[in-house]
C-alpha atoms as a PDB file:
ATOM      1  CA  MET A   1      35.562 -61.456  58.054  1.00  0.00           C
ATOM      2  CA  ARG A   2      35.672 -62.320  61.719  1.00  0.00           C
ATOM      3  CA  GLY A   3      38.213 -60.568  63.905  1.00  0.00           C
ATOM      4  CA  GLU A   4      40.409 -63.629  64.496  1.00  0.00           C
ATOM      5  CA  LEU A   5      40.694 -64.421  60.766  1.00  0.00           C
ATOM      6  CA  VAL A   6      43.522 -62.655  58.962  1.00  0.00           C
ATOM      7  CA  THR A   7      43.995 -62.867  55.199  1.00  0.00           C
ATOM      8  CA  GLU A   8      47.653 -63.941  55.589  1.00  0.00           C
ATOM      9  CA  THR A   9      46.883 -66.905  57.887  1.00  0.00           C
ATOM     10  CA  ILE A  10      43.421 -68.084  56.774  1.00  0.00           C
ATOM     11  CA  THR A  11      43.136 -71.700  55.650  1.00  0.00           C
ATOM     12  CA  LEU A  12      41.093 -72.975  52.728  1.00  0.00           C
ATOM     13  CA  ASP A  13      38.564 -74.659  55.047  1.00  0.00           C
ATOM     14  CA  GLU A  14      38.018 -71.420  57.001  1.00  0.00           C
ATOM     15  CA  ALA A  15      37.580 -69.461  53.776  1.00  0.00           C
ATOM     16  CA  LEU A  16      35.056 -71.962  52.405  1.00  0.00           C
ATOM     17  CA  GLU A  17      33.180 -71.886  55.717  1.00  0.00           C
ATOM     18  CA  LEU A  18      32.613 -68.136  55.265  1.00  0.00           C
ATOM     19  CA  PHE A  19      30.664 -68.844  52.072  1.00  0.00           C
ATOM     20  CA  ASN A  20      28.070 -70.725  54.151  1.00  0.00           C
ATOM     21  CA  MET A  21      27.016 -67.463  55.812  1.00  0.00           C
ATOM     22  CA  PRO A  22      24.346 -66.402  56.547  1.00  0.00           C
ATOM     23  CA  ARG A  23      23.449 -69.759  58.068  1.00  0.00           C
ATOM     24  CA  THR A  24      19.766 -70.639  58.398  1.00  0.00           C
ATOM     25  CA  VAL A  25      19.241 -71.663  62.026  1.00  0.00           C
ATOM     26  CA  GLY A  26      15.614 -72.674  61.580  1.00  0.00           C
ATOM     27  CA  GLU A  27      12.086 -71.550  60.798  1.00  0.00           C
ATOM     28  CA  THR A  28       9.111 -70.915  63.086  1.00  0.00           C
ATOM     29  CA  ASP A  29       5.527 -69.813  62.573  1.00  0.00           C
ATOM     30  CA  ASP A  30       5.945 -66.825  64.901  1.00  0.00           C
ATOM     31  CA  PHE A  31       9.227 -65.365  63.622  1.00  0.00           C
ATOM     32  CA  GLY A  32       9.699 -66.880  60.165  1.00  0.00           C
ATOM     33  CA  ILE A  33      13.168 -67.794  58.928  1.00  0.00           C
ATOM     34  CA  ILE A  34      15.905 -67.276  61.522  1.00  0.00           C
ATOM     35  CA  LYS A  35      19.431 -66.687  60.199  1.00  0.00           C
ATOM     36  CA  ALA A  36      22.803 -66.291  61.925  1.00  0.00           C
ATOM     37  CA  ASN A  37      25.699 -64.301  60.498  1.00  0.00           C
ATOM     38  CA  TYR A  38      28.686 -62.070  61.219  1.00  0.00           C
ATOM     39  CA  GLY A  39      28.146 -58.353  60.891  1.00  0.00           C
ATOM     40  CA  ARG A  40      29.951 -55.099  61.347  1.00  0.00           C
ATOM     41  CA  PHE A  41      29.378 -55.137  65.117  1.00  0.00           C
ATOM     42  CA  GLY A  42      29.847 -58.863  65.674  1.00  0.00           C
ATOM     43  CA  PRO A  43      27.759 -62.029  65.349  1.00  0.00           C
ATOM     44  CA  TYR A  44      23.966 -61.681  65.202  1.00  0.00           C
ATOM     45  CA  ILE A  45      20.656 -63.439  64.600  1.00  0.00           C
ATOM     46  CA  GLN A  46      18.196 -62.044  62.058  1.00  0.00           C
ATOM     47  CA  TYR A  47      14.466 -62.690  62.071  1.00  0.00           C
ATOM     48  CA  GLY A  48      12.345 -60.681  59.671  1.00  0.00           C
ATOM     49  CA  LYS A  49      13.749 -57.141  59.731  1.00  0.00           C
ATOM     50  CA  LYS A  50      14.965 -57.353  63.329  1.00  0.00           C
ATOM     51  CA  TYR A  51      18.360 -58.314  64.696  1.00  0.00           C
ATOM     52  CA  VAL A  52      19.671 -59.709  68.000  1.00  0.00           C
ATOM     53  CA  SER A  53      23.352 -59.755  68.998  1.00  0.00           C
ATOM     54  CA  LEU A  54      24.956 -63.102  69.752  1.00  0.00           C
ATOM     55  CA  LYS A  55      27.095 -62.864  72.880  1.00  0.00           C
ATOM     56  CA  GLU A  56      27.765 -66.469  73.930  1.00  0.00           C
ATOM     57  CA  PHE A  57      27.804 -68.380  70.639  1.00  0.00           C
ATOM     58  CA  THR A  58      29.139 -67.976  67.132  1.00  0.00           C
ATOM     59  CA  PRO A  59      26.777 -68.155  64.138  1.00  0.00           C
ATOM     60  CA  GLU A  60      28.125 -71.638  63.363  1.00  0.00           C
ATOM     61  CA  GLU A  61      27.332 -72.929  66.887  1.00  0.00           C
ATOM     62  CA  VAL A  62      23.968 -71.347  67.705  1.00  0.00           C
ATOM     63  CA  GLU A  63      20.954 -73.666  67.735  1.00  0.00           C
ATOM     64  CA  LEU A  64      17.266 -72.884  67.223  1.00  0.00           C
ATOM     65  CA  ASP A  65      16.278 -73.160  70.905  1.00  0.00           C
ATOM     66  CA  HIS A  66      18.939 -70.652  72.021  1.00  0.00           C
ATOM     67  CA  ALA A  67      18.075 -68.329  69.131  1.00  0.00           C
ATOM     68  CA  LEU A  68      14.397 -68.408  70.168  1.00  0.00           C
ATOM     69  CA  GLU A  69      15.355 -67.533  73.772  1.00  0.00           C
ATOM     70  CA  LEU A  70      17.286 -64.484  72.549  1.00  0.00           C
ATOM     71  CA  ILE A  71      14.466 -63.430  70.224  1.00  0.00           C
ATOM     72  CA  LYS A  72      11.812 -63.727  72.956  1.00  0.00           C
ATOM     73  CA  ALA A  73      13.977 -61.683  75.340  1.00  0.00           C
ATOM     74  CA  LYS A  74      14.318 -58.966  72.665  1.00  0.00           C
ATOM     75  CA  GLU A  75      10.567 -58.978  71.967  1.00  0.00           C
ATOM     76  CA  LYS A  76       9.850 -58.663  75.705  1.00  0.00           C
ATOM     77  CA  PHE A  77      12.317 -55.763  75.991  1.00  0.00           C
ATOM     78  CA  ASP A  78      10.721 -53.985  73.014  1.00  0.00           C
ATOM     79  CA  ALA A  79       7.217 -54.467  74.482  1.00  0.00           C
ATOM     80  CA  GLU A  80       8.249 -52.992  77.841  1.00  0.00           C
ATOM     81  CA  ARG A  81       9.816 -49.999  76.116  1.00  0.00           C
ATOM     82  CA  ILE A  82       6.455 -48.398  75.264  1.00  0.00           C
ATOM     83  CA  ILE A  83       4.915 -46.759  78.337  1.00  0.00           C
ATOM     84  CA  LYS A  84       1.983 -44.953  76.718  1.00  0.00           C
ATOM     85  CA  THR A  85       0.570 -44.327  73.245  1.00  0.00           C
ATOM     86  CA  PHE A  86      -2.071 -41.841  72.163  1.00  0.00           C
ATOM     87  CA  ASP A  87      -4.875 -42.577  69.695  1.00  0.00           C
ATOM     88  CA  ASP A  88      -4.834 -40.530  66.464  1.00  0.00           C
ATOM     89  CA  SER A  89      -1.243 -39.382  67.095  1.00  0.00           C
ATOM     90  CA  GLU A  90       2.282 -40.631  66.448  1.00  0.00           C
ATOM     91  CA  ILE A  91       3.409 -39.328  69.833  1.00  0.00           C
ATOM     92  CA  GLN A  92       4.522 -42.007  72.286  1.00  0.00           C
ATOM     93  CA  ILE A  93       6.022 -42.075  75.750  1.00  0.00           C
ATOM     94  CA  LEU A  94       8.913 -44.531  75.747  1.00  0.00           C
ATOM     95  CA  ASN A  95      11.261 -45.904  78.368  1.00  0.00           C
ATOM     96  CA  GLY A  96      14.801 -45.100  77.266  1.00  0.00           C
ATOM     97  CA  ARG A  97      18.357 -45.340  78.395  1.00  0.00           C
ATOM     98  CA  TYR A  98      18.138 -42.149  80.480  1.00  0.00           C
ATOM     99  CA  GLY A  99      14.559 -42.584  81.691  1.00  0.00           C
ATOM    100  CA  PRO A 100      11.120 -41.977  80.152  1.00  0.00           C
ATOM    101  CA  TYR A 101      10.904 -39.596  77.190  1.00  0.00           C
ATOM    102  CA  ILE A 102       8.393 -38.261  74.662  1.00  0.00           C
ATOM    103  CA  TRP A 103       8.929 -39.293  71.048  1.00  0.00           C
ATOM    104  CA  ASN A 104       7.087 -37.553  68.230  1.00  0.00           C
ATOM    105  CA  GLY A 105       7.235 -40.463  65.783  1.00  0.00           C
ATOM    106  CA  LYS A 106       9.868 -39.118  63.405  1.00  0.00           C
ATOM    107  CA  LYS A 107      12.947 -41.205  62.704  1.00  0.00           C
ATOM    108  CA  LYS A 108      15.550 -38.606  61.735  1.00  0.00           C
ATOM    109  CA  GLY A 109      15.892 -35.073  60.546  1.00  0.00           C
ATOM    110  CA  LYS A 110      14.997 -31.623  61.775  1.00  0.00           C
ATOM    111  CA  GLY A 111      11.615 -32.712  63.124  1.00  0.00           C
ATOM    112  CA  GLN A 112      12.998 -35.298  65.530  1.00  0.00           C
ATOM    113  CA  LYS A 113      12.681 -34.333  69.134  1.00  0.00           C
ATOM    114  CA  ASN A 114      13.094 -36.622  72.099  1.00  0.00           C
ATOM    115  CA  ILE A 115      12.091 -34.838  75.287  1.00  0.00           C
ATOM    116  CA  THR A 116      13.133 -36.290  78.622  1.00  0.00           C
ATOM    117  CA  ILE A 117      10.094 -36.219  80.913  1.00  0.00           C
ATOM    118  CA  LYS A 118      12.046 -35.480  84.074  1.00  0.00           C
ATOM    119  CA  LYS A 119      13.627 -32.413  82.451  1.00  0.00           C
ATOM    120  CA  VAL A 120      10.275 -30.909  81.386  1.00  0.00           C
ATOM    121  CA  PHE A 121       7.714 -32.208  83.893  1.00  0.00           C
ATOM    122  CA  GLY A 122       9.820 -32.923  86.989  1.00  0.00           C
ATOM    123  CA  ASP A 123       8.545 -35.797  89.123  1.00  0.00           C
ATOM    124  CA  LYS A 124       5.241 -36.220  87.238  1.00  0.00           C
ATOM    125  CA  SER A 125       4.511 -39.817  86.294  1.00  0.00           C
ATOM    126  CA  PRO A 126       4.789 -40.543  82.539  1.00  0.00           C
ATOM    127  CA  THR A 127       1.474 -42.427  82.593  1.00  0.00           C
ATOM    128  CA  ASP A 128      -0.323 -39.297  83.876  1.00  0.00           C
ATOM    129  CA  LEU A 129       0.703 -37.100  80.927  1.00  0.00           C
ATOM    130  CA  THR A 130      -1.959 -36.052  78.433  1.00  0.00           C
ATOM    131  CA  LEU A 131      -1.619 -35.681  74.680  1.00  0.00           C
ATOM    132  CA  LYS A 132      -1.912 -31.881  74.958  1.00  0.00           C
ATOM    133  CA  GLU A 133       0.928 -31.722  77.498  1.00  0.00           C
ATOM    134  CA  CYS A 134       3.133 -33.816  75.231  1.00  0.00           C
ATOM    135  CA  GLN A 135       2.313 -31.718  72.155  1.00  0.00           C
ATOM    136  CA  LYS A 136       3.046 -28.533  74.089  1.00  0.00           C
ATOM    137  CA  ALA A 137       6.417 -29.916  75.222  1.00  0.00           C
ATOM    138  CA  ILE A 138       7.313 -30.874  71.637  1.00  0.00           C
ATOM    139  CA  THR A 139       6.395 -27.498  70.140  1.00  0.00           C
ATOM    140  CA  ALA A 140       8.023 -25.458  72.925  1.00  0.00           C
ATOM    141  CA  LYS A 141      11.261 -23.792  71.937  1.00  0.00           C
ATOM    142  CA  PRO A 142      14.296 -24.788  73.961  1.00  0.00           C
ATOM    143  CA  LYS A 143      15.849 -22.185  76.214  1.00  0.00           C
ATOM    144  CA  PRO A 144      18.640 -20.339  74.418  1.00  0.00           C
ATOM    145  CA  LYS A 145      22.120 -21.226  75.557  1.00  0.00           C
ATOM    146  CA  VAL A 146      24.056 -18.382  77.108  1.00  0.00           C
ATOM    147  CA  LYS A 147      27.232 -17.718  75.181  1.00  0.00           C
ATOM    148  CA  LYS A 148      30.297 -16.404  76.933  1.00  0.00           C
ATOM    149  CA  LYS A 149      32.063 -13.499  75.319  1.00  0.00           C
ATOM    150  CA  ALA A 150      35.434 -14.374  73.938  1.00  0.00           C
ATOM    151  CA  VAL A 151      38.299 -12.648  75.693  1.00  0.00           C
ATOM    152  CA  LYS A 152      40.376 -10.584  73.301  1.00  0.00           C
ATOM    153  CA  LYS A 153      44.020 -11.493  73.330  1.00  0.00           C
ATOM    154  CA  LYS A 154      46.662  -8.869  72.934  1.00  0.00           C
ATOM    155  CA  ALA A 155      48.760  -9.154  69.830  1.00  0.00           C
ATOM    156  CA  THR A 156      52.364 -10.130  70.396  1.00  0.00           C
ATOM    157  CA  LYS A 157      55.064  -7.745  69.263  1.00  0.00           C
END
């Protein structure tokens, strides 16, 4: 349920309105069926397997033209995220929250390793990196962290 709806104060009309979710906003050739709904993190638009957060409108209010604007902005953002890809390899150089980084193509688990380019290569441009340099950075072991010795405390009497 939405944040402002509380089970003690909800009316019958509001409850019945929730059964109309997800609401189909429209359908396009490019993105297929576009739906609007409430989710765990707030209202959103779904197209295919992708999602876009709704900031200004509720799922009941959003129209197809506004939904398409949000979807195109998300697609543009996703396209600008990839800086460089390498043929015959899953390794990519992506633009992230903290700057460009190397991604080895694994989603989760022990094999995942995102390497910040500035940390490894300094001021070298991400577009100038070669596949071998990226592979070497991925396989390199991180520097061991120096542990401080624990100070022994004297036992109280």
